[in-house]
Protein backbone atom coordinates (compact mmCIF):
# COMPACT_ATOMS: atom_id res chain seq x y z
CA UNK A 1 -137.45 -117.10 20.20
CA UNK A 2 -137.75 -114.68 23.09
CA UNK A 3 -138.99 -111.22 23.99
CA UNK A 4 -137.84 -108.26 26.05
CA UNK A 5 -140.12 -106.01 28.10
CA UNK A 6 -138.86 -102.65 29.39
CA UNK A 7 -140.84 -100.85 32.09
CA UNK A 8 -140.64 -97.06 31.97
CA UNK A 9 -142.16 -96.00 35.32
CA UNK A 10 -143.03 -92.35 34.71
CA UNK A 11 -146.36 -90.60 34.12
CA UNK A 12 -147.51 -86.98 33.93
CA UNK A 13 -150.29 -87.65 36.42
CA UNK A 14 -152.01 -90.60 38.08
CA UNK A 15 -155.03 -92.15 36.37
CA UNK A 16 -157.65 -92.91 39.00
CA UNK A 17 -157.96 -96.62 38.15
CA UNK A 18 -154.29 -97.54 37.60
CA UNK A 19 -152.34 -99.83 39.93
CA UNK A 20 -149.24 -100.26 37.76
CA UNK A 21 -145.92 -99.09 39.15
CA UNK A 22 -145.19 -95.49 38.16
CA UNK A 23 -144.05 -92.12 39.50
CA UNK A 24 -144.97 -88.55 38.57
CA UNK A 25 -141.53 -87.43 39.80
CA UNK A 26 -139.22 -87.41 36.77
CA UNK A 27 -136.04 -86.20 38.50
CA UNK A 28 -134.30 -89.57 38.19
CA UNK A 29 -135.46 -90.37 34.64
CA UNK A 30 -132.00 -90.00 33.12
CA UNK A 31 -130.32 -92.02 35.89
CA UNK A 32 -132.96 -94.70 35.67
CA UNK A 33 -132.46 -95.02 31.91
CA UNK A 34 -128.76 -95.61 32.55
CA UNK A 35 -129.68 -98.18 35.22
CA UNK A 36 -131.87 -100.07 32.74
CA UNK A 37 -128.92 -100.32 30.35
CA UNK A 38 -126.77 -101.55 33.25
CA UNK A 39 -129.41 -104.21 33.95
CA UNK A 40 -129.22 -105.28 30.28
CA UNK A 41 -125.50 -105.91 30.75
CA UNK A 42 -126.01 -107.94 33.92
CA UNK A 43 -128.89 -109.92 32.40
CA UNK A 44 -127.59 -110.38 28.85
CA UNK A 45 -127.28 -114.17 29.30
CA UNK A 46 -130.72 -114.66 30.87
CA UNK A 47 -132.26 -115.69 27.54
CA UNK A 48 -129.31 -117.95 26.64
CA UNK A 49 -128.56 -116.08 23.44
CA UNK A 50 -131.96 -116.73 21.88
CA UNK A 51 -132.89 -114.28 19.09
CA UNK A 52 -135.27 -111.52 20.16
CA UNK A 53 -138.50 -111.48 18.16
CA UNK A 54 -140.23 -108.70 20.08
CA UNK A 55 -139.43 -105.70 22.27
CA UNK A 56 -142.12 -103.90 24.24
CA UNK A 57 -141.71 -100.60 26.09
CA UNK A 58 -144.54 -100.29 28.61
CA UNK A 59 -145.24 -98.35 31.74
CA UNK A 60 -145.92 -95.90 32.99
CA UNK A 61 -145.62 -93.78 29.87
CA UNK A 62 -142.63 -94.65 27.64
CA UNK A 63 -143.52 -91.81 25.26
CA UNK A 64 -142.19 -89.45 27.96
CA UNK A 65 -138.64 -90.59 27.21
CA UNK A 66 -136.44 -88.01 25.51
CA UNK A 67 -134.77 -88.85 22.21
CA UNK A 68 -131.35 -89.41 23.80
CA UNK A 69 -132.89 -91.71 26.44
CA UNK A 70 -134.60 -93.80 23.76
CA UNK A 71 -131.37 -93.99 21.79
CA UNK A 72 -129.47 -95.07 24.90
CA UNK A 73 -131.93 -97.90 25.49
CA UNK A 74 -131.93 -99.16 21.90
CA UNK A 75 -128.16 -98.89 21.54
CA UNK A 76 -127.90 -100.96 24.71
CA UNK A 77 -130.26 -103.60 23.33
CA UNK A 78 -128.48 -103.93 19.98
CA UNK A 79 -125.08 -104.23 21.67
CA UNK A 80 -126.16 -107.09 23.94
CA UNK A 81 -128.88 -109.08 22.18
CA UNK A 82 -129.50 -110.64 18.78
CA UNK A 83 -132.56 -108.78 17.54
CA UNK A 84 -134.26 -110.43 14.60
CA UNK A 85 -134.72 -108.53 11.38
CA UNK A 86 -138.40 -107.62 11.33
CA UNK A 87 -138.80 -107.90 15.10
CA UNK A 88 -141.96 -106.32 16.46
CA UNK A 89 -140.94 -103.25 18.50
CA UNK A 90 -143.83 -101.66 20.40
CA UNK A 91 -143.98 -98.49 22.47
CA UNK A 92 -146.91 -97.49 24.65
CA UNK A 93 -147.79 -93.84 24.14
CA UNK A 94 -150.25 -91.28 25.41
CA UNK A 95 -151.98 -89.25 22.68
CA UNK A 96 -150.77 -85.90 24.02
CA UNK A 97 -147.13 -86.98 23.59
CA UNK A 98 -147.47 -87.90 19.92
CA UNK A 99 -146.33 -84.75 18.17
CA UNK A 100 -144.83 -85.03 14.69
CA UNK A 101 -141.36 -84.59 16.18
CA UNK A 102 -141.91 -87.36 18.73
CA UNK A 103 -143.33 -89.77 16.15
CA UNK A 104 -140.29 -89.29 13.91
CA UNK A 105 -138.00 -89.84 16.92
CA UNK A 106 -139.74 -93.13 17.68
CA UNK A 107 -139.38 -94.33 14.11
CA UNK A 108 -135.69 -93.42 14.04
CA UNK A 109 -135.14 -95.78 17.00
CA UNK A 110 -136.72 -98.68 15.12
CA UNK A 111 -140.13 -98.63 16.81
CA UNK A 112 -142.63 -100.07 14.33
CA UNK A 113 -145.76 -100.51 16.45
CA UNK A 114 -147.62 -98.07 18.69
CA UNK A 115 -149.98 -98.94 21.52
CA UNK A 116 -151.88 -95.72 22.24
CA UNK A 117 -153.69 -95.35 25.57
CA UNK A 118 -156.89 -93.66 24.48
CA UNK A 119 -159.37 -95.31 26.92
CA UNK A 120 -162.37 -93.30 25.64
CA UNK A 121 -163.34 -90.85 22.90
CA UNK A 122 -165.54 -88.93 25.37
CA UNK A 123 -164.01 -86.02 27.27
CA UNK A 124 -166.27 -86.62 30.28
CA UNK A 125 -164.88 -90.15 30.62
CA UNK A 126 -161.31 -88.94 30.27
CA UNK A 127 -161.83 -86.32 32.99
CA UNK A 128 -163.45 -88.94 35.25
CA UNK A 129 -160.44 -91.24 34.79
CA UNK A 130 -158.01 -88.31 35.25
CA UNK A 131 -156.44 -88.80 31.83
CA UNK A 132 -154.20 -86.02 30.52
CA UNK A 133 -155.38 -85.96 26.90
CA UNK A 134 -158.67 -84.96 25.26
CA UNK A 135 -160.85 -86.92 22.86
CA UNK A 136 -159.75 -84.67 20.01
CA UNK A 137 -156.09 -85.30 20.81
CA UNK A 138 -156.76 -89.04 20.82
CA UNK A 139 -158.11 -89.17 17.28
CA UNK A 140 -155.53 -86.67 16.02
CA UNK A 141 -152.63 -88.69 17.47
CA UNK A 142 -153.72 -91.81 15.61
CA UNK A 143 -154.18 -89.97 12.32
CA UNK A 144 -150.85 -88.15 12.61
CA UNK A 145 -149.02 -91.40 13.41
CA UNK A 146 -150.57 -92.98 10.33
CA UNK A 147 -149.75 -89.98 8.13
CA UNK A 148 -146.11 -90.18 9.23
CA UNK A 149 -145.81 -93.86 8.39
CA UNK A 150 -147.00 -96.08 11.24
CA UNK A 151 -148.87 -99.05 9.78
CA UNK A 152 -149.33 -101.07 12.96
CA UNK A 153 -151.30 -99.21 15.63
CA UNK A 154 -153.18 -100.55 18.62
CA UNK A 155 -155.39 -98.52 20.93
CA UNK A 156 -156.67 -99.22 24.44
CA UNK A 157 -160.27 -98.63 25.46
CA UNK A 158 -161.97 -99.13 28.83
CA UNK A 159 -165.57 -100.28 29.22
CA UNK A 160 -167.86 -100.56 32.23
CA UNK A 161 -167.42 -96.93 33.32
CA UNK A 162 -170.17 -96.10 35.86
CA UNK A 163 -171.41 -93.03 33.98
CA UNK A 164 -171.21 -94.54 30.50
CA UNK A 165 -174.11 -95.78 28.40
CA UNK A 166 -174.24 -98.64 25.93
CA UNK A 167 -174.73 -96.15 23.11
CA UNK A 168 -171.58 -94.30 24.15
CA UNK A 169 -169.65 -97.57 24.20
CA UNK A 170 -170.98 -98.37 20.72
CA UNK A 171 -169.76 -94.97 19.51
CA UNK A 172 -166.35 -95.54 21.11
CA UNK A 173 -166.02 -98.72 19.06
CA UNK A 174 -167.29 -97.03 15.89
CA UNK A 175 -164.69 -94.30 16.33
CA UNK A 176 -161.96 -96.90 16.74
CA UNK A 177 -162.99 -98.70 13.54
CA UNK A 178 -163.23 -95.43 11.61
CA UNK A 179 -159.60 -94.67 12.48
CA UNK A 180 -158.55 -97.78 10.54
CA UNK A 181 -156.30 -99.12 13.29
CA UNK A 182 -154.99 -102.69 13.25
CA UNK A 183 -155.43 -103.77 16.86
CA UNK A 184 -157.73 -103.09 19.80
CA UNK A 185 -157.21 -103.88 23.49
CA UNK A 186 -160.32 -103.41 25.63
CA UNK A 187 -160.42 -103.79 29.39
CA UNK A 188 -163.21 -103.76 31.91
CA UNK A 189 -162.81 -101.07 34.55
CA UNK A 190 -161.80 -102.73 37.81
CA UNK A 191 -161.42 -101.38 41.31
CA UNK A 192 -157.84 -102.17 42.30
CA UNK A 193 -156.68 -101.74 45.91
CA UNK A 194 -154.74 -98.59 46.82
CA UNK A 195 -155.92 -96.60 43.82
CA UNK A 196 -157.77 -93.28 43.89
CA UNK A 197 -160.81 -95.04 42.39
CA UNK A 198 -160.93 -97.50 45.29
CA UNK A 199 -160.74 -94.61 47.76
CA UNK A 200 -163.51 -92.69 45.95
CA UNK A 201 -165.83 -95.70 46.01
CA UNK A 202 -165.07 -96.45 49.66
CA UNK A 203 -165.91 -92.85 50.62
CA UNK A 204 -169.05 -92.82 48.50
CA UNK A 205 -167.63 -90.26 46.06
CA UNK A 206 -167.94 -92.65 43.13
CA UNK A 207 -170.56 -95.34 42.45
CA UNK A 208 -169.83 -99.03 42.79
CA UNK A 209 -168.84 -100.66 39.52
CA UNK A 210 -171.67 -102.32 37.63
CA UNK A 211 -170.75 -105.87 36.60
CA UNK A 212 -173.90 -106.25 34.53
CA UNK A 213 -173.05 -103.11 32.53
CA UNK A 214 -169.51 -104.38 31.95
CA UNK A 215 -170.79 -107.78 30.79
CA UNK A 216 -173.24 -106.17 28.37
CA UNK A 217 -170.56 -103.92 26.92
CA UNK A 218 -168.17 -106.87 26.57
CA UNK A 219 -170.83 -108.73 24.59
CA UNK A 220 -171.29 -105.63 22.42
CA UNK A 221 -167.53 -105.58 21.87
CA UNK A 222 -167.41 -109.22 20.76
CA UNK A 223 -170.34 -108.69 18.39
CA UNK A 224 -168.98 -105.47 16.87
CA UNK A 225 -165.50 -106.86 16.22
CA UNK A 226 -166.90 -110.08 14.75
CA UNK A 227 -169.09 -108.09 12.35
CA UNK A 228 -165.97 -106.24 11.17
CA UNK A 229 -164.16 -109.54 10.59
CA UNK A 230 -161.68 -108.92 13.39
CA UNK A 231 -160.03 -111.81 15.22
CA UNK A 232 -160.76 -112.18 18.94
CA UNK A 233 -157.49 -113.89 19.77
CA UNK A 234 -157.33 -113.22 23.53
CA UNK A 235 -160.08 -112.20 25.94
CA UNK A 236 -159.12 -108.51 25.92
CA UNK A 237 -157.47 -108.35 22.50
CA UNK A 238 -158.79 -108.07 18.94
CA UNK A 239 -157.02 -107.56 15.64
CA UNK A 240 -157.21 -107.54 11.90
CA UNK A 241 -155.69 -110.61 10.26
CA UNK A 242 -151.92 -110.93 10.83
CA UNK A 243 -151.85 -108.06 13.34
CA UNK A 244 -151.95 -109.89 16.67
CA UNK A 245 -149.43 -108.62 19.22
CA UNK A 246 -146.47 -110.93 18.76
CA UNK A 247 -145.00 -109.83 22.08
CA UNK A 248 -148.07 -110.52 24.20
CA UNK A 249 -148.82 -113.71 22.29
CA UNK A 250 -145.38 -114.93 23.32
CA UNK A 251 -146.40 -114.42 26.97
CA UNK A 252 -149.61 -116.33 26.47
CA UNK A 253 -147.92 -119.23 24.71
CA UNK A 254 -145.24 -119.70 27.36
CA UNK A 255 -142.20 -118.32 25.54
CA UNK A 256 -139.26 -116.84 27.41
CA UNK A 257 -139.02 -113.13 28.13
CA UNK A 258 -136.72 -110.78 30.00
CA UNK A 259 -138.15 -107.86 31.93
CA UNK A 260 -136.04 -104.75 32.52
CA UNK A 261 -136.84 -101.78 34.75
CA UNK A 262 -138.58 -101.36 38.11
CA UNK A 263 -141.36 -103.95 38.74
CA UNK A 264 -140.64 -105.80 35.47
CA UNK A 265 -141.11 -109.58 35.44
CA UNK A 266 -139.04 -112.23 33.65
CA UNK A 267 -139.68 -115.90 32.80
CA UNK A 268 -137.34 -118.50 31.34
CA UNK A 269 -139.54 -121.58 31.39
CA UNK A 270 -138.66 -122.84 34.86
CA UNK A 271 -138.19 -119.75 37.02
CA UNK A 272 -139.98 -116.47 37.37
CA UNK A 273 -138.42 -113.29 38.72
CA UNK A 274 -139.59 -109.77 39.41
CA UNK A 275 -137.75 -106.52 40.00
CA UNK A 276 -138.30 -104.27 43.00
CA UNK A 277 -141.18 -101.80 42.57
CA UNK A 278 -139.28 -98.76 43.76
CA UNK A 279 -137.49 -96.48 41.32
CA UNK A 280 -134.87 -95.18 43.73
CA UNK A 281 -134.00 -98.56 45.26
CA UNK A 282 -133.86 -100.04 41.75
CA UNK A 283 -131.36 -97.51 40.41
CA UNK A 284 -129.23 -97.50 43.58
CA UNK A 285 -128.89 -101.29 43.40
CA UNK A 286 -127.81 -101.19 39.77
CA UNK A 287 -125.45 -98.28 40.34
CA UNK A 288 -123.78 -100.57 42.89
CA UNK A 289 -123.69 -103.41 40.33
CA UNK A 290 -126.47 -105.48 41.92
CA UNK A 291 -129.64 -106.93 40.39
CA UNK A 292 -132.69 -105.87 42.45
CA UNK A 293 -135.00 -108.85 41.93
CA UNK A 294 -136.61 -111.77 43.71
CA UNK A 295 -137.24 -115.09 42.03
CA UNK A 296 -138.92 -118.44 42.46
CA UNK A 297 -138.54 -121.83 40.83
CA UNK A 298 -141.89 -123.04 39.57
CA UNK A 299 -143.09 -126.48 40.63
CA UNK A 300 -144.72 -128.73 38.05
CA UNK A 301 -148.11 -127.73 39.43
CA UNK A 302 -147.28 -124.02 39.17
CA UNK A 303 -146.03 -124.48 35.60
CA UNK A 304 -149.25 -126.30 34.71
CA UNK A 305 -151.40 -123.58 36.26
CA UNK A 306 -149.39 -120.90 34.48
CA UNK A 307 -150.08 -122.68 31.19
CA UNK A 308 -153.81 -122.96 31.91
CA UNK A 309 -154.11 -119.32 33.00
CA UNK A 310 -152.44 -118.01 29.85
CA UNK A 311 -153.53 -120.50 27.19
CA UNK A 312 -157.23 -120.66 27.97
CA UNK A 313 -157.57 -116.90 27.52
CA UNK A 314 -156.51 -117.26 23.87
CA UNK A 315 -158.28 -118.49 20.76
CA UNK A 316 -155.75 -121.36 20.56
CA UNK A 317 -156.98 -122.76 23.85
CA UNK A 318 -155.51 -125.29 26.27
CA UNK A 319 -153.93 -128.33 24.62
CA UNK A 320 -154.66 -131.54 26.57
CA UNK A 321 -151.97 -133.47 24.69
CA UNK A 322 -149.41 -130.81 25.58
CA UNK A 323 -150.33 -131.18 29.25
CA UNK A 324 -150.04 -134.96 28.93
CA UNK A 325 -146.61 -134.75 27.26
CA UNK A 326 -145.08 -131.95 29.34
CA UNK A 327 -146.60 -132.74 32.73
CA UNK A 328 -148.41 -136.06 33.22
CA UNK A 329 -151.41 -138.18 32.29
CA UNK A 330 -152.85 -137.42 35.73
CA UNK A 331 -152.77 -133.65 35.15
CA UNK A 332 -154.22 -134.04 31.66
CA UNK A 333 -157.05 -136.22 32.93
CA UNK A 334 -157.76 -133.76 35.75
CA UNK A 335 -158.12 -130.81 33.37
CA UNK A 336 -160.15 -132.83 30.86
CA UNK A 337 -162.51 -134.05 33.58
CA UNK A 338 -163.00 -130.59 35.12
CA UNK A 339 -163.68 -129.08 31.71
CA UNK A 340 -166.66 -131.32 30.95
CA UNK A 341 -168.99 -129.50 33.33
CA UNK A 342 -168.37 -126.26 31.42
CA UNK A 343 -168.77 -127.97 28.05
CA UNK A 344 -172.19 -129.16 29.21
CA UNK A 345 -173.24 -125.57 29.98
CA UNK A 346 -171.85 -124.20 26.70
CA UNK A 347 -169.00 -122.23 28.28
CA UNK A 348 -166.20 -124.40 26.87
CA UNK A 349 -165.65 -126.03 23.50
CA UNK A 350 -163.60 -129.22 23.03
CA UNK A 351 -162.14 -129.98 19.63
CA UNK A 352 -158.94 -131.56 18.31
CA UNK A 353 -157.91 -132.32 21.92
CA UNK A 354 -158.00 -128.63 22.83
CA UNK A 355 -160.26 -126.77 25.24
CA UNK A 356 -161.28 -123.23 24.34
CA UNK A 357 -163.70 -120.64 25.68
CA UNK A 358 -166.95 -119.93 23.89
CA UNK A 359 -168.27 -116.36 23.89
CA UNK A 360 -170.44 -117.37 26.83
CA UNK A 361 -167.38 -118.76 28.61
CA UNK A 362 -165.40 -115.57 28.07
CA UNK A 363 -167.85 -113.80 30.38
CA UNK A 364 -166.84 -116.08 33.27
CA UNK A 365 -163.29 -116.96 32.21
CA UNK A 366 -161.68 -116.33 35.59
CA UNK A 367 -164.06 -118.74 37.32
CA UNK A 368 -163.46 -121.44 34.73
CA UNK A 369 -159.68 -121.06 34.90
CA UNK A 370 -159.74 -121.28 38.70
CA UNK A 371 -161.76 -124.49 38.48
CA UNK A 372 -159.38 -126.10 35.97
CA UNK A 373 -156.23 -125.27 37.90
CA UNK A 374 -154.52 -127.96 39.95
CA UNK A 375 -154.29 -127.06 43.63
CA UNK A 376 -151.19 -128.08 45.59
CA UNK A 377 -151.63 -129.74 48.97
């Protein structure tokens, strides 16, 4: 089984915290859509004919695509890949794009899952982040999508905002639960280089981020979702039973995926490749019949570290026997030995030859993962 990710690098405006590749200039949107289909043709053998179990349109803002652009992309996919019946097909959307007409367009293309970038149900937060939509639009977009037939909806929320309170975060979560969605992705606000937020903080126009506030709100998140019976299946992701993101779970469990579009990444088990992060250079290369990517073959150590980084973030954990079988006894013993110090402090749990994070460990996951990784000489 394999997945396909398609990066749509256009936004209406720049969110202050975002460091993903995007452009607010839409002049080349139609040409770039054609270039993505050209890339499909050139990369159609990358996954060795494996059936596609998931397709994910991310960005950027894929909901900005016109109906004919969406149809062009999906026609291209169906002509070149074997897409499983019942495949999960997700599109990231902003609430202000989800009109009744747009929702029906998405369904007509076969999209059966929405990931809606809400971030907060407070207008003051949305203004601070430079989001386009309002809190009212956020709730309305979810309800309208449900009324028109979407039964698998995820929303994104951000916690750790400098001006937010714990009560406001609690109300954000309550609002999400009241909307009867199936999936929730929650991310701590981070200061990424070369973003407006980083510039504001450097100039003293925004406060430094509060790690203690973020940790408290993450603990609130874990408690609230557990009380609702939701499954915390990856550090930032929560779902009702049987509603985990099949596409992202494939990433985290080491399955193959093909990335299409500017800045998109691909992985086939042994090599990793990434497309150029420049819309114009990307489309010019493909218009000339060239693939605009760089790649690297992963050493055994890099493959091991990739497995640790992705698996330990999930509820399924890191399988010591899998490391022993796929890599070596030495690697397995290294990871098992390093893990014991965190088991002693209650940050890791060891059971059935698998290492997994406890709730306490999830607060310091990056540090634990770094410690468990094998470092090349």
